[in-house]
Amino acid sequence: MRMAIYGCISSVLAIGVILSAMHQRSNFYAACIYLSKSSACMMILLNMGFIMCILFGKTLQAIFFGRLRAIEVEHLYERSWYAVTETCLAMTIFREEFDLQFIVVFTTLLFLKIFHWLCQDRVEFMEQTPANGIGFHVRIINLLHILLLVDLLLANHAINVTLIKGPNMMIMFGFEYTILLCTIVSTIGKYIINVVDMQSEQTWEGKSMWIFYVDLVTDFFKLVTYLAFFLYICLNYQLPLHIIRDVYVTFRSFVQKCRDLYRYRRATRNMNELYPNATAEDFTRSSDSTCIICREEMQVTDTSSDRDSNNNNVEPVPNRNDNENNLDQPKKLPCGHIFHFHCLRSWLERQQTCPTW
């Protein structure tokens, strides 16, 4: 209701200043010159442009997302506030170039960032609601393609302007659009992974690792972009304080992911040899046969017949359930705790310590 009242007042003021300018000046060109020279008129018209941008955004939201969830609205407020604050700090570097063009380009950037954030949240929400209709996929696919195309065009434009005119404020927006490009490519990759998982009849054990690799590659390209922008600004302007935190956070995230990957590879290398199969005696000593990761009962797989067959040089009969039995095989860690093979492997993808610690 308040937004409607604010929009009506803004519309009345914008129409009023336009009619006043047309009445005081003899032609359209002269009226435009008059409006551009008046600070009060420009503020009213910019305010009206802001209202129209909100209406356009609401329309696109209704088309591609429908009603937003409470968590999505909360994320928008948090991220928008941080983006505005970061841009205000960046304005200290380009304060001599602050003009109407800067406001328009910044508004466009923030507008695109909002839809990138919403796409990220919706793709992540797919894991919680796998039963999404055809309409959801049509809308999200179209929006992902539109955002990818817009990011490419705007990043290319900003970089070309910088190469032609030399160092100017467009380098900052070229950097921002490149980061958005990395983000939307990552979102597309995660969407494809989620769709493949939804189409699979069985649980996709390697899904989390594919998502991990997507995040790792995304962090790498973001880090390269941050460093390139940081060095460019240092050489042509001054120390860009507003992105030092982003550079540090991205670098720390990338290094941590590399460490996690190394630890995971080391922990999962030859798991059958590193972690022996649990026996009935192990379950008797632990007095608990429940896997605390999946909360399901564990059963000892009888492998005596396989050993007898191998000792007698008899070729074992193939069993279509061998893979499933292997995945459900209880494994004992050096600390003595027991878990399913597949549960232990999925846990090691996130943490390289015992789940009970």
Protein backbone atom coordinates (compact mmCIF):
# COMPACT_ATOMS: atom_id res chain seq x y z
CA MET A 1 0.00 0.00 0.00
CA ARG A 2 2.79 2.41 0.90
CA MET A 3 4.61 1.59 -2.33
CA ALA A 4 1.41 2.30 -4.30
CA ILE A 5 1.00 5.69 -2.63
CA TYR A 6 4.67 6.50 -3.21
CA GLY A 7 4.34 5.51 -6.88
CA CYS A 8 1.25 7.66 -7.38
CA ILE A 9 2.91 10.72 -5.84
CA SER A 10 6.06 10.17 -7.91
CA SER A 11 3.98 9.84 -11.09
CA VAL A 12 2.07 13.06 -10.39
CA LEU A 13 5.30 14.96 -9.74
CA ALA A 14 7.00 13.58 -12.88
CA ILE A 15 4.02 14.44 -15.08
CA GLY A 16 3.86 17.88 -13.48
CA VAL A 17 7.47 18.83 -14.18
CA ILE A 18 7.25 17.54 -17.76
CA LEU A 19 4.07 19.52 -18.48
CA SER A 20 5.59 22.59 -16.83
CA ALA A 21 8.71 22.34 -18.99
CA MET A 22 6.64 21.89 -22.15
CA HIS A 23 4.54 24.93 -21.20
CA GLN A 24 7.54 27.17 -20.52
CA ARG A 25 9.56 26.18 -23.58
CA SER A 26 8.57 26.44 -27.20
CA ASN A 27 9.68 23.00 -28.41
CA PHE A 28 10.56 19.52 -27.17
CA TYR A 29 14.33 20.01 -27.41
CA ALA A 30 14.26 23.17 -25.36
CA ALA A 31 12.09 21.44 -22.75
CA CYS A 32 14.62 18.62 -22.48
CA ILE A 33 17.46 21.11 -22.00
CA TYR A 34 15.47 22.84 -19.30
CA LEU A 35 14.79 19.58 -17.46
CA SER A 36 18.44 18.47 -17.67
CA LYS A 37 19.66 21.80 -16.24
CA SER A 38 17.29 21.74 -13.28
CA SER A 39 18.51 19.66 -10.32
CA ALA A 40 15.02 19.42 -8.81
CA CYS A 41 13.51 18.19 -12.08
CA MET A 42 16.28 15.63 -12.52
CA MET A 43 15.72 14.28 -9.01
CA ILE A 44 12.00 13.90 -9.68
CA LEU A 45 12.59 12.19 -13.03
CA LEU A 46 15.26 9.87 -11.58
CA ASN A 47 12.86 8.97 -8.79
CA MET A 48 10.22 8.15 -11.41
CA GLY A 49 12.75 6.03 -13.28
CA PHE A 50 13.45 4.16 -10.05
CA ILE A 51 9.71 3.46 -9.64
CA MET A 52 9.44 2.20 -13.21
CA CYS A 53 12.46 -0.05 -12.62
CA ILE A 54 10.76 -1.54 -9.57
CA LEU A 55 7.55 -2.15 -11.53
CA PHE A 56 9.49 -3.79 -14.34
CA GLY A 57 11.33 -5.96 -11.83
CA LYS A 58 8.07 -6.97 -10.14
CA THR A 59 6.66 -7.95 -13.53
CA LEU A 60 9.67 -10.12 -14.35
CA GLN A 61 9.51 -11.64 -10.88
CA ALA A 62 5.87 -12.61 -11.40
CA ILE A 63 6.72 -14.15 -14.79
CA PHE A 64 9.83 -16.14 -13.83
CA PHE A 65 9.52 -16.76 -10.08
CA GLY A 66 5.99 -16.09 -8.94
CA ARG A 67 5.68 -15.47 -5.22
CA LEU A 68 9.02 -15.23 -3.42
CA ARG A 69 9.73 -17.27 -0.32
CA ALA A 70 10.51 -15.49 2.94
CA ILE A 71 14.13 -16.66 2.87
CA GLU A 72 14.57 -15.30 -0.66
CA VAL A 73 13.28 -11.87 0.38
CA GLU A 74 15.62 -11.89 3.38
CA HIS A 75 18.59 -12.78 1.16
CA LEU A 76 17.68 -9.97 -1.23
CA TYR A 77 17.70 -7.36 1.52
CA GLU A 78 21.00 -8.58 2.95
CA ARG A 79 22.79 -8.82 -0.40
CA SER A 80 21.36 -5.57 -1.76
CA TRP A 81 22.51 -3.63 1.28
CA TYR A 82 26.01 -5.06 0.95
CA ALA A 83 26.10 -4.33 -2.82
CA VAL A 84 25.05 -0.70 -2.31
CA THR A 85 27.61 -0.22 0.47
CA GLU A 86 30.36 -1.73 -1.65
CA THR A 87 29.50 0.52 -4.59
CA CYS A 88 29.52 3.62 -2.38
CA LEU A 89 33.07 2.72 -1.36
CA ALA A 90 34.00 2.18 -5.01
CA MET A 91 32.64 5.65 -5.83
CA THR A 92 35.53 7.15 -3.84
CA ILE A 93 37.87 5.91 -6.58
CA PHE A 94 35.72 7.18 -9.46
CA ARG A 95 34.30 10.28 -7.70
CA GLU A 96 35.34 12.53 -10.57
CA GLU A 97 33.26 10.44 -12.98
CA PHE A 98 30.10 10.35 -10.86
CA ASP A 99 27.25 11.52 -13.09
CA LEU A 100 23.90 10.43 -14.48
CA GLN A 101 25.49 7.67 -16.52
CA PHE A 102 27.04 6.20 -13.38
CA ILE A 103 23.64 6.10 -11.65
CA VAL A 104 21.96 4.43 -14.63
CA VAL A 105 24.69 1.81 -15.04
CA PHE A 106 24.75 1.09 -11.32
CA THR A 107 20.96 0.66 -11.23
CA THR A 108 21.19 -1.77 -14.14
CA LEU A 109 23.92 -3.71 -12.35
CA LEU A 110 21.92 -3.96 -9.11
CA PHE A 111 18.83 -4.99 -11.10
CA LEU A 112 20.74 -7.85 -12.73
CA LYS A 113 22.34 -8.90 -9.44
CA ILE A 114 18.90 -9.33 -7.86
CA PHE A 115 17.82 -11.80 -10.54
CA HIS A 116 21.13 -13.66 -10.30
CA TRP A 117 20.57 -14.07 -6.55
CA LEU A 118 17.03 -15.28 -7.07
CA CYS A 119 18.21 -17.82 -9.66
CA GLN A 120 20.80 -19.14 -7.22
CA ASP A 121 18.22 -19.56 -4.47
CA ARG A 122 15.71 -21.28 -6.76
CA VAL A 123 18.26 -23.73 -8.13
CA GLU A 124 19.38 -24.60 -4.60
CA PHE A 125 15.73 -24.98 -3.59
CA MET A 126 15.33 -27.64 -6.31
CA GLU A 127 17.04 -30.16 -4.01
CA GLN A 128 14.32 -29.68 -1.40
CA THR A 129 11.43 -29.83 -3.88
CA PRO A 130 12.34 -32.37 -6.59
CA ALA A 131 8.73 -32.54 -7.88
CA ASN A 132 8.86 -29.34 -9.95
CA GLY A 133 6.54 -28.96 -12.92
CA ILE A 134 7.39 -28.31 -16.54
CA GLY A 135 6.49 -24.64 -16.12
CA PHE A 136 9.18 -24.19 -13.48
CA HIS A 137 11.89 -25.62 -15.74
CA VAL A 138 10.75 -23.60 -18.76
CA ARG A 139 10.87 -20.35 -16.78
CA ILE A 140 14.20 -21.04 -15.10
CA ILE A 141 15.88 -22.19 -18.34
CA ASN A 142 14.73 -19.10 -20.22
CA LEU A 143 15.85 -16.79 -17.42
CA LEU A 144 19.26 -18.47 -17.17
CA HIS A 145 19.80 -18.03 -20.91
CA ILE A 146 18.69 -14.39 -20.80
CA LEU A 147 20.98 -13.56 -17.89
CA LEU A 148 23.91 -15.34 -19.52
CA LEU A 149 23.41 -13.40 -22.76
CA VAL A 150 23.01 -10.04 -20.97
CA ASP A 151 26.11 -10.66 -18.85
CA LEU A 152 28.17 -11.47 -21.94
CA LEU A 153 26.98 -8.37 -23.81
CA LEU A 154 27.44 -5.94 -20.92
CA ALA A 155 30.83 -7.34 -19.88
CA ASN A 156 32.04 -7.16 -23.48
CA HIS A 157 30.75 -3.57 -23.82
CA ALA A 158 32.38 -2.39 -20.59
CA ILE A 159 35.73 -3.99 -21.45
CA ASN A 160 35.69 -2.55 -24.99
CA VAL A 161 34.95 0.95 -23.65
CA THR A 162 37.85 0.62 -21.23
CA LEU A 163 40.23 -0.54 -23.97
CA ILE A 164 39.20 2.33 -26.26
CA LYS A 165 38.96 5.22 -23.78
CA GLY A 166 41.50 4.04 -21.23
CA PRO A 167 40.96 3.74 -17.47
CA ASN A 168 37.50 4.92 -16.47
CA MET A 169 34.56 3.86 -14.32
CA MET A 170 33.45 1.22 -16.85
CA ILE A 171 36.29 -1.04 -15.74
CA MET A 172 34.52 -1.45 -12.41
CA PHE A 173 31.28 -2.44 -14.12
CA GLY A 174 33.14 -4.73 -16.51
CA PHE A 175 34.60 -6.46 -13.48
CA GLU A 176 31.16 -6.75 -11.85
CA TYR A 177 29.59 -8.20 -15.00
CA THR A 178 32.45 -10.72 -15.28
CA ILE A 179 31.77 -11.86 -11.71
CA LEU A 180 28.06 -12.17 -12.57
CA LEU A 181 29.02 -14.20 -15.63
CA CYS A 182 30.96 -16.64 -13.44
CA THR A 183 28.00 -16.81 -11.07
CA ILE A 184 25.41 -17.55 -13.77
CA VAL A 185 27.62 -20.23 -15.37
CA SER A 186 27.94 -21.84 -11.94
CA THR A 187 24.16 -21.67 -11.46
CA ILE A 188 23.59 -23.29 -14.87
CA GLY A 189 26.01 -26.07 -13.97
CA LYS A 190 24.23 -26.75 -10.66
CA TYR A 191 20.85 -26.70 -12.41
CA ILE A 192 22.04 -29.35 -14.89
CA ILE A 193 23.39 -31.47 -12.02
CA ASN A 194 20.06 -31.22 -10.16
CA VAL A 195 18.11 -32.18 -13.29
CA VAL A 196 20.35 -35.21 -13.89
CA ASP A 197 19.86 -36.25 -10.26
CA MET A 198 16.07 -35.88 -10.57
CA GLN A 199 16.03 -38.07 -13.69
CA SER A 200 18.09 -40.78 -12.00
CA GLU A 201 16.13 -43.69 -10.58
CA GLN A 202 18.73 -44.35 -7.89
CA THR A 203 20.55 -42.04 -5.52
CA TRP A 204 23.41 -40.31 -7.31
CA GLU A 205 26.33 -40.78 -4.96
CA GLY A 206 28.66 -38.49 -6.93
CA LYS A 207 26.34 -35.49 -7.05
CA SER A 208 27.92 -33.64 -4.14
CA MET A 209 31.37 -33.99 -5.71
CA TRP A 210 30.18 -32.55 -9.01
CA ILE A 211 28.72 -29.56 -7.15
CA PHE A 212 32.00 -29.27 -5.26
CA TYR A 213 33.95 -29.17 -8.53
CA VAL A 214 31.61 -26.50 -9.93
CA ASP A 215 32.16 -24.34 -6.83
CA LEU A 216 35.91 -24.92 -7.01
CA VAL A 217 36.16 -23.83 -10.66
CA THR A 218 33.88 -20.85 -10.00
CA ASP A 219 36.03 -19.70 -7.07
CA PHE A 220 39.14 -20.00 -9.25
CA PHE A 221 37.77 -17.78 -12.02
CA LYS A 222 36.38 -15.29 -9.50
CA LEU A 223 39.76 -15.12 -7.80
CA VAL A 224 41.52 -14.49 -11.12
CA THR A 225 38.99 -11.74 -11.92
CA TYR A 226 39.38 -10.11 -8.50
CA LEU A 227 43.17 -10.14 -8.75
CA ALA A 228 43.16 -8.71 -12.28
CA PHE A 229 40.80 -5.89 -11.24
CA PHE A 230 42.79 -5.26 -8.05
CA LEU A 231 46.07 -4.90 -9.95
CA TYR A 232 44.49 -2.73 -12.66
CA ILE A 233 43.03 -0.29 -10.12
CA CYS A 234 46.28 -0.17 -8.13
CA LEU A 235 48.25 0.69 -11.26
CA ASN A 236 45.86 3.34 -12.60
CA TYR A 237 44.08 4.78 -9.52
CA GLN A 238 44.67 3.91 -5.88
CA LEU A 239 44.38 0.99 -3.49
CA PRO A 240 40.81 -0.42 -3.92
CA LEU A 241 39.87 -0.91 -0.28
CA HIS A 242 36.33 -1.98 -1.15
CA ILE A 243 37.40 -5.31 -2.71
CA ILE A 244 40.19 -6.32 -0.33
CA ARG A 245 37.67 -8.29 1.73
CA ASP A 246 36.26 -9.99 -1.40
CA VAL A 247 39.73 -10.92 -2.60
CA TYR A 248 40.61 -12.38 0.80
CA VAL A 249 37.32 -14.29 1.19
CA THR A 250 37.51 -15.73 -2.33
CA PHE A 251 41.17 -16.69 -1.91
CA ARG A 252 40.49 -18.36 1.44
CA SER A 253 37.48 -20.21 0.02
CA PHE A 254 39.51 -21.46 -2.95
CA VAL A 255 42.42 -22.61 -0.78
CA GLN A 256 40.05 -24.34 1.64
CA LYS A 257 38.33 -26.18 -1.20
CA CYS A 258 41.71 -27.32 -2.55
CA ARG A 259 42.63 -28.62 0.89
CA ASP A 260 39.28 -30.38 1.23
CA LEU A 261 39.75 -32.00 -2.18
CA TYR A 262 43.23 -33.23 -1.27
CA ARG A 263 42.03 -34.63 2.07
CA TYR A 264 39.04 -36.26 0.44
CA ARG A 265 41.17 -37.91 -2.21
CA ARG A 266 43.58 -39.14 0.42
CA ALA A 267 40.79 -40.40 2.69
CA THR A 268 38.87 -42.20 -0.08
CA ARG A 269 41.86 -43.73 -1.84
CA ASN A 270 41.50 -47.53 -1.53
CA MET A 271 38.72 -47.31 1.03
CA ASN A 272 38.27 -51.08 1.02
CA GLU A 273 41.85 -51.49 2.20
CA LEU A 274 41.98 -48.49 4.53
CA TYR A 275 38.72 -49.29 6.31
CA PRO A 276 38.07 -53.00 6.95
CA ASN A 277 34.61 -54.53 6.79
CA ALA A 278 32.82 -54.62 10.11
CA THR A 279 32.21 -58.08 11.56
CA ALA A 280 29.51 -59.46 13.82
CA GLU A 281 31.94 -59.22 16.72
CA ASP A 282 32.39 -55.48 16.05
CA PHE A 283 28.63 -54.97 16.24
CA THR A 284 28.48 -57.00 19.45
CA ARG A 285 31.13 -54.82 21.08
CA SER A 286 29.51 -51.57 19.91
CA SER A 287 25.99 -52.72 20.97
CA ASP A 288 24.53 -50.45 18.28
CA SER A 289 23.98 -51.38 14.64
CA THR A 290 22.51 -48.04 13.51
CA CYS A 291 24.45 -45.87 11.07
CA ILE A 292 24.30 -42.39 12.61
CA ILE A 293 24.66 -40.76 9.19
CA CYS A 294 21.58 -42.26 7.49
CA ARG A 295 19.87 -43.57 10.67
CA GLU A 296 19.34 -47.01 9.11
CA GLU A 297 20.26 -50.43 10.43
CA MET A 298 23.53 -51.96 9.26
CA GLN A 299 23.88 -55.63 8.43
CA VAL A 300 27.03 -57.67 8.06
CA THR A 301 27.53 -58.87 4.48
CA ASP A 302 28.47 -62.54 4.29
CA THR A 303 31.55 -62.88 2.10
CA SER A 304 32.50 -66.40 3.15
CA SER A 305 30.93 -67.95 0.06
CA ASP A 306 32.95 -65.63 -2.18
CA ARG A 307 36.17 -66.64 -0.44
CA ASP A 308 35.30 -70.33 -0.75
CA SER A 309 34.59 -69.91 -4.45
CA ASN A 310 37.90 -68.14 -4.97
CA ASN A 311 39.79 -70.82 -3.00
CA ASN A 312 38.21 -73.60 -5.06
CA ASN A 313 38.97 -71.74 -8.32
CA VAL A 314 35.28 -71.59 -9.07
CA GLU A 315 34.12 -68.60 -11.02
CA PRO A 316 31.56 -66.70 -8.92
CA VAL A 317 28.12 -66.19 -10.31
CA PRO A 318 27.50 -62.49 -11.16
CA ASN A 319 24.96 -60.82 -8.91
CA ARG A 320 23.15 -57.70 -9.98
CA ASN A 321 22.98 -56.60 -6.35
CA ASP A 322 26.76 -56.74 -5.79
CA ASN A 323 27.18 -52.98 -6.17
CA GLU A 324 24.31 -52.28 -3.80
CA ASN A 325 25.71 -54.74 -1.24
CA ASN A 326 29.11 -53.10 -1.53
CA LEU A 327 27.63 -49.65 -0.94
CA ASP A 328 25.73 -50.90 2.11
CA GLN A 329 28.76 -52.75 3.46
CA PRO A 330 29.53 -51.56 7.02
CA LYS A 331 33.03 -50.14 7.34
CA LYS A 332 34.99 -49.69 10.56
CA LEU A 333 37.12 -46.60 11.10
CA PRO A 334 40.40 -46.66 13.04
CA CYS A 335 38.54 -45.08 15.97
CA GLY A 336 36.19 -48.09 16.07
CA HIS A 337 32.99 -46.44 14.81
CA ILE A 338 31.02 -48.19 12.06
CA PHE A 339 29.14 -46.67 9.10
CA HIS A 340 27.77 -47.69 5.72
CA PHE A 341 30.32 -47.55 2.91
CA HIS A 342 28.32 -45.01 0.87
CA CYS A 343 27.45 -42.96 3.97
CA LEU A 344 31.11 -42.78 4.94
CA ARG A 345 32.13 -41.74 1.43
CA SER A 346 29.47 -39.00 1.25
CA TRP A 347 30.52 -37.76 4.68
CA LEU A 348 34.18 -37.59 3.66
CA GLU A 349 33.16 -35.33 0.78
CA ARG A 350 32.22 -32.69 3.36
CA GLN A 351 34.39 -33.50 6.38
CA GLN A 352 37.54 -35.57 6.80
CA THR A 353 36.94 -36.48 10.45
CA CYS A 354 34.78 -39.09 12.17
CA PRO A 355 31.10 -38.03 12.20
CA THR A 356 30.91 -38.67 15.95
CA TRP A 357 33.59 -36.10 16.78
